[in-house]
Amino acid sequence: MIRLASVIGLPAENAEEYERLHAAVWPAVLERLRASHMTNYSIFRHGELLFSYLEYTGDDLDADNAAIAADEATRQWWAVCEPLQRPLQDR
């Protein structure tokens, strides 16, 4: 198993919409994550920071990440969610 984590910003004005979306993640997005061996995926918010954690149980992380990135439902999900986030300056 590989444990993966990331941190990204979430401006206060976007927190409510971000949390609304993530309270009901699209089933196709969750299905693709499972098919790509991504488990125990959690996102925590602390003020204007999001901390995500997941466990990868497959044997080809690059291929599974590519499958996620190629998935149309996931790409649409990202198009909705990414504008709400802000990369950290010191990333």
C-alpha atoms as a PDB file:
ATOM      1  CA  MET A   1       0.000   0.000   0.000  1.00  0.00           C
ATOM      2  CA  ILE A   2       1.136   3.539  -0.787  1.00  0.00           C
ATOM      3  CA  ARG A   3      -0.179   6.423   1.298  1.00  0.00           C
ATOM      4  CA  LEU A   4      -0.634   9.709  -0.562  1.00  0.00           C
ATOM      5  CA  ALA A   5      -1.458  13.121   0.854  1.00  0.00           C
ATOM      6  CA  SER A   6      -1.738  16.655  -0.440  1.00  0.00           C
ATOM      7  CA  VAL A   7      -2.549  20.150   0.783  1.00  0.00           C
ATOM      8  CA  ILE A   8      -4.269  22.896  -1.199  1.00  0.00           C
ATOM      9  CA  GLY A   9      -5.929  26.183  -0.371  1.00  0.00           C
ATOM     10  CA  LEU A  10      -9.670  26.768  -0.170  1.00  0.00           C
ATOM     11  CA  PRO A  11     -10.672  30.424   0.012  1.00  0.00           C
ATOM     12  CA  ALA A  12     -13.304  31.039   2.676  1.00  0.00           C
ATOM     13  CA  GLU A  13     -15.804  32.275   0.098  1.00  0.00           C
ATOM     14  CA  ASN A  14     -15.676  28.869  -1.642  1.00  0.00           C
ATOM     15  CA  ALA A  15     -15.892  26.632   1.418  1.00  0.00           C
ATOM     16  CA  GLU A  16     -19.679  26.238   1.457  1.00  0.00           C
ATOM     17  CA  GLU A  17     -19.889  25.258  -2.225  1.00  0.00           C
ATOM     18  CA  TYR A  18     -16.890  22.927  -1.947  1.00  0.00           C
ATOM     19  CA  GLU A  19     -18.392  21.149   1.052  1.00  0.00           C
ATOM     20  CA  ARG A  20     -21.807  20.920  -0.645  1.00  0.00           C
ATOM     21  CA  LEU A  21     -20.232  19.239  -3.669  1.00  0.00           C
ATOM     22  CA  HIS A  22     -18.165  16.839  -1.599  1.00  0.00           C
ATOM     23  CA  ALA A  23     -21.130  15.828   0.550  1.00  0.00           C
ATOM     24  CA  ALA A  24     -22.451  14.094  -2.592  1.00  0.00           C
ATOM     25  CA  VAL A  25     -19.487  13.164  -4.801  1.00  0.00           C
ATOM     26  CA  TRP A  26     -20.674  11.914  -8.174  1.00  0.00           C
ATOM     27  CA  PRO A  27     -20.988   8.114  -8.149  1.00  0.00           C
ATOM     28  CA  ALA A  28     -19.027   7.749 -11.415  1.00  0.00           C
ATOM     29  CA  VAL A  29     -16.082   9.611  -9.858  1.00  0.00           C
ATOM     30  CA  LEU A  30     -16.094   7.342  -6.821  1.00  0.00           C
ATOM     31  CA  GLU A  31     -16.374   4.275  -9.058  1.00  0.00           C
ATOM     32  CA  ARG A  32     -13.332   5.356 -11.085  1.00  0.00           C
ATOM     33  CA  LEU A  33     -11.304   5.899  -7.914  1.00  0.00           C
ATOM     34  CA  ARG A  34     -12.189   2.409  -6.690  1.00  0.00           C
ATOM     35  CA  ALA A  35     -11.375   0.894 -10.098  1.00  0.00           C
ATOM     36  CA  SER A  36      -7.977   2.606  -9.888  1.00  0.00           C
ATOM     37  CA  HIS A  37      -7.273   1.087  -6.465  1.00  0.00           C
ATOM     38  CA  MET A  38      -7.682   4.352  -4.531  1.00  0.00           C
ATOM     39  CA  THR A  39      -9.144   3.652  -1.091  1.00  0.00           C
ATOM     40  CA  ASN A  40      -9.735   5.401   2.218  1.00  0.00           C
ATOM     41  CA  TYR A  41      -9.866   8.757   0.449  1.00  0.00           C
ATOM     42  CA  SER A  42     -10.555  11.538   2.920  1.00  0.00           C
ATOM     43  CA  ILE A  43     -10.429  15.319   2.714  1.00  0.00           C
ATOM     44  CA  PHE A  44     -10.191  17.472   5.825  1.00  0.00           C
ATOM     45  CA  ARG A  45     -10.603  21.242   6.026  1.00  0.00           C
ATOM     46  CA  HIS A  46      -8.806  23.477   8.488  1.00  0.00           C
ATOM     47  CA  GLY A  47      -9.729  27.103   7.845  1.00  0.00           C
ATOM     48  CA  GLU A  48      -8.581  27.840   4.319  1.00  0.00           C
ATOM     49  CA  LEU A  49      -6.569  24.639   3.912  1.00  0.00           C
ATOM     50  CA  LEU A  50      -7.647  21.263   2.570  1.00  0.00           C
ATOM     51  CA  PHE A  51      -5.660  18.174   3.473  1.00  0.00           C
ATOM     52  CA  SER A  52      -6.394  15.051   1.454  1.00  0.00           C
ATOM     53  CA  TYR A  53      -5.284  11.527   2.213  1.00  0.00           C
ATOM     54  CA  LEU A  54      -5.736   8.262   0.327  1.00  0.00           C
ATOM     55  CA  GLU A  55      -4.306   4.800   0.152  1.00  0.00           C
ATOM     56  CA  TYR A  56      -3.284   3.207  -3.145  1.00  0.00           C
ATOM     57  CA  THR A  57      -3.498  -0.574  -3.244  1.00  0.00           C
ATOM     58  CA  GLY A  58      -2.714  -1.276  -6.907  1.00  0.00           C
ATOM     59  CA  ASP A  59       0.564  -2.127  -8.582  1.00  0.00           C
ATOM     60  CA  ASP A  60       0.839   0.554 -11.289  1.00  0.00           C
ATOM     61  CA  LEU A  61       0.217   4.004  -9.837  1.00  0.00           C
ATOM     62  CA  ASP A  62       1.105   5.822 -13.065  1.00  0.00           C
ATOM     63  CA  ALA A  63      -1.367   3.767 -15.121  1.00  0.00           C
ATOM     64  CA  ASP A  64      -4.118   4.119 -12.528  1.00  0.00           C
ATOM     65  CA  ASN A  65      -3.573   7.889 -12.296  1.00  0.00           C
ATOM     66  CA  ALA A  66      -3.717   8.068 -16.102  1.00  0.00           C
ATOM     67  CA  ALA A  67      -7.012   6.155 -16.092  1.00  0.00           C
ATOM     68  CA  ILE A  68      -8.451   8.606 -13.583  1.00  0.00           C
ATOM     69  CA  ALA A  69      -7.238  11.598 -15.616  1.00  0.00           C
ATOM     70  CA  ALA A  70      -8.749  10.134 -18.805  1.00  0.00           C
ATOM     71  CA  ASP A  71     -12.142   9.479 -17.219  1.00  0.00           C
ATOM     72  CA  GLU A  72     -14.757  11.910 -18.544  1.00  0.00           C
ATOM     73  CA  ALA A  73     -16.817  12.064 -15.342  1.00  0.00           C
ATOM     74  CA  THR A  74     -13.686  12.790 -13.316  1.00  0.00           C
ATOM     75  CA  ARG A  75     -12.618  15.496 -15.764  1.00  0.00           C
ATOM     76  CA  GLN A  76     -16.041  17.139 -15.416  1.00  0.00           C
ATOM     77  CA  TRP A  77     -15.816  16.852 -11.620  1.00  0.00           C
ATOM     78  CA  TRP A  78     -12.411  18.525 -11.659  1.00  0.00           C
ATOM     79  CA  ALA A  79     -13.782  21.310 -13.885  1.00  0.00           C
ATOM     80  CA  VAL A  80     -16.392  22.055 -11.209  1.00  0.00           C
ATOM     81  CA  CYS A  81     -14.153  21.682  -8.140  1.00  0.00           C
ATOM     82  CA  GLU A  82     -10.758  23.018  -9.192  1.00  0.00           C
ATOM     83  CA  PRO A  83     -11.846  26.666  -9.606  1.00  0.00           C
ATOM     84  CA  LEU A  84     -12.893  26.640  -5.959  1.00  0.00           C
ATOM     85  CA  GLN A  85      -9.378  25.731  -4.787  1.00  0.00           C
ATOM     86  CA  ARG A  86      -6.177  27.747  -4.692  1.00  0.00           C
ATOM     87  CA  PRO A  87      -2.725  26.149  -4.943  1.00  0.00           C
ATOM     88  CA  LEU A  88      -0.406  27.151  -2.138  1.00  0.00           C
ATOM     89  CA  GLN A  89       2.309  29.649  -3.062  1.00  0.00           C
ATOM     90  CA  ASP A  90       5.064  27.470  -1.644  1.00  0.00           C
ATOM     91  CA  ARG A  91       3.976  24.253  -3.321  1.00  0.00           C
END
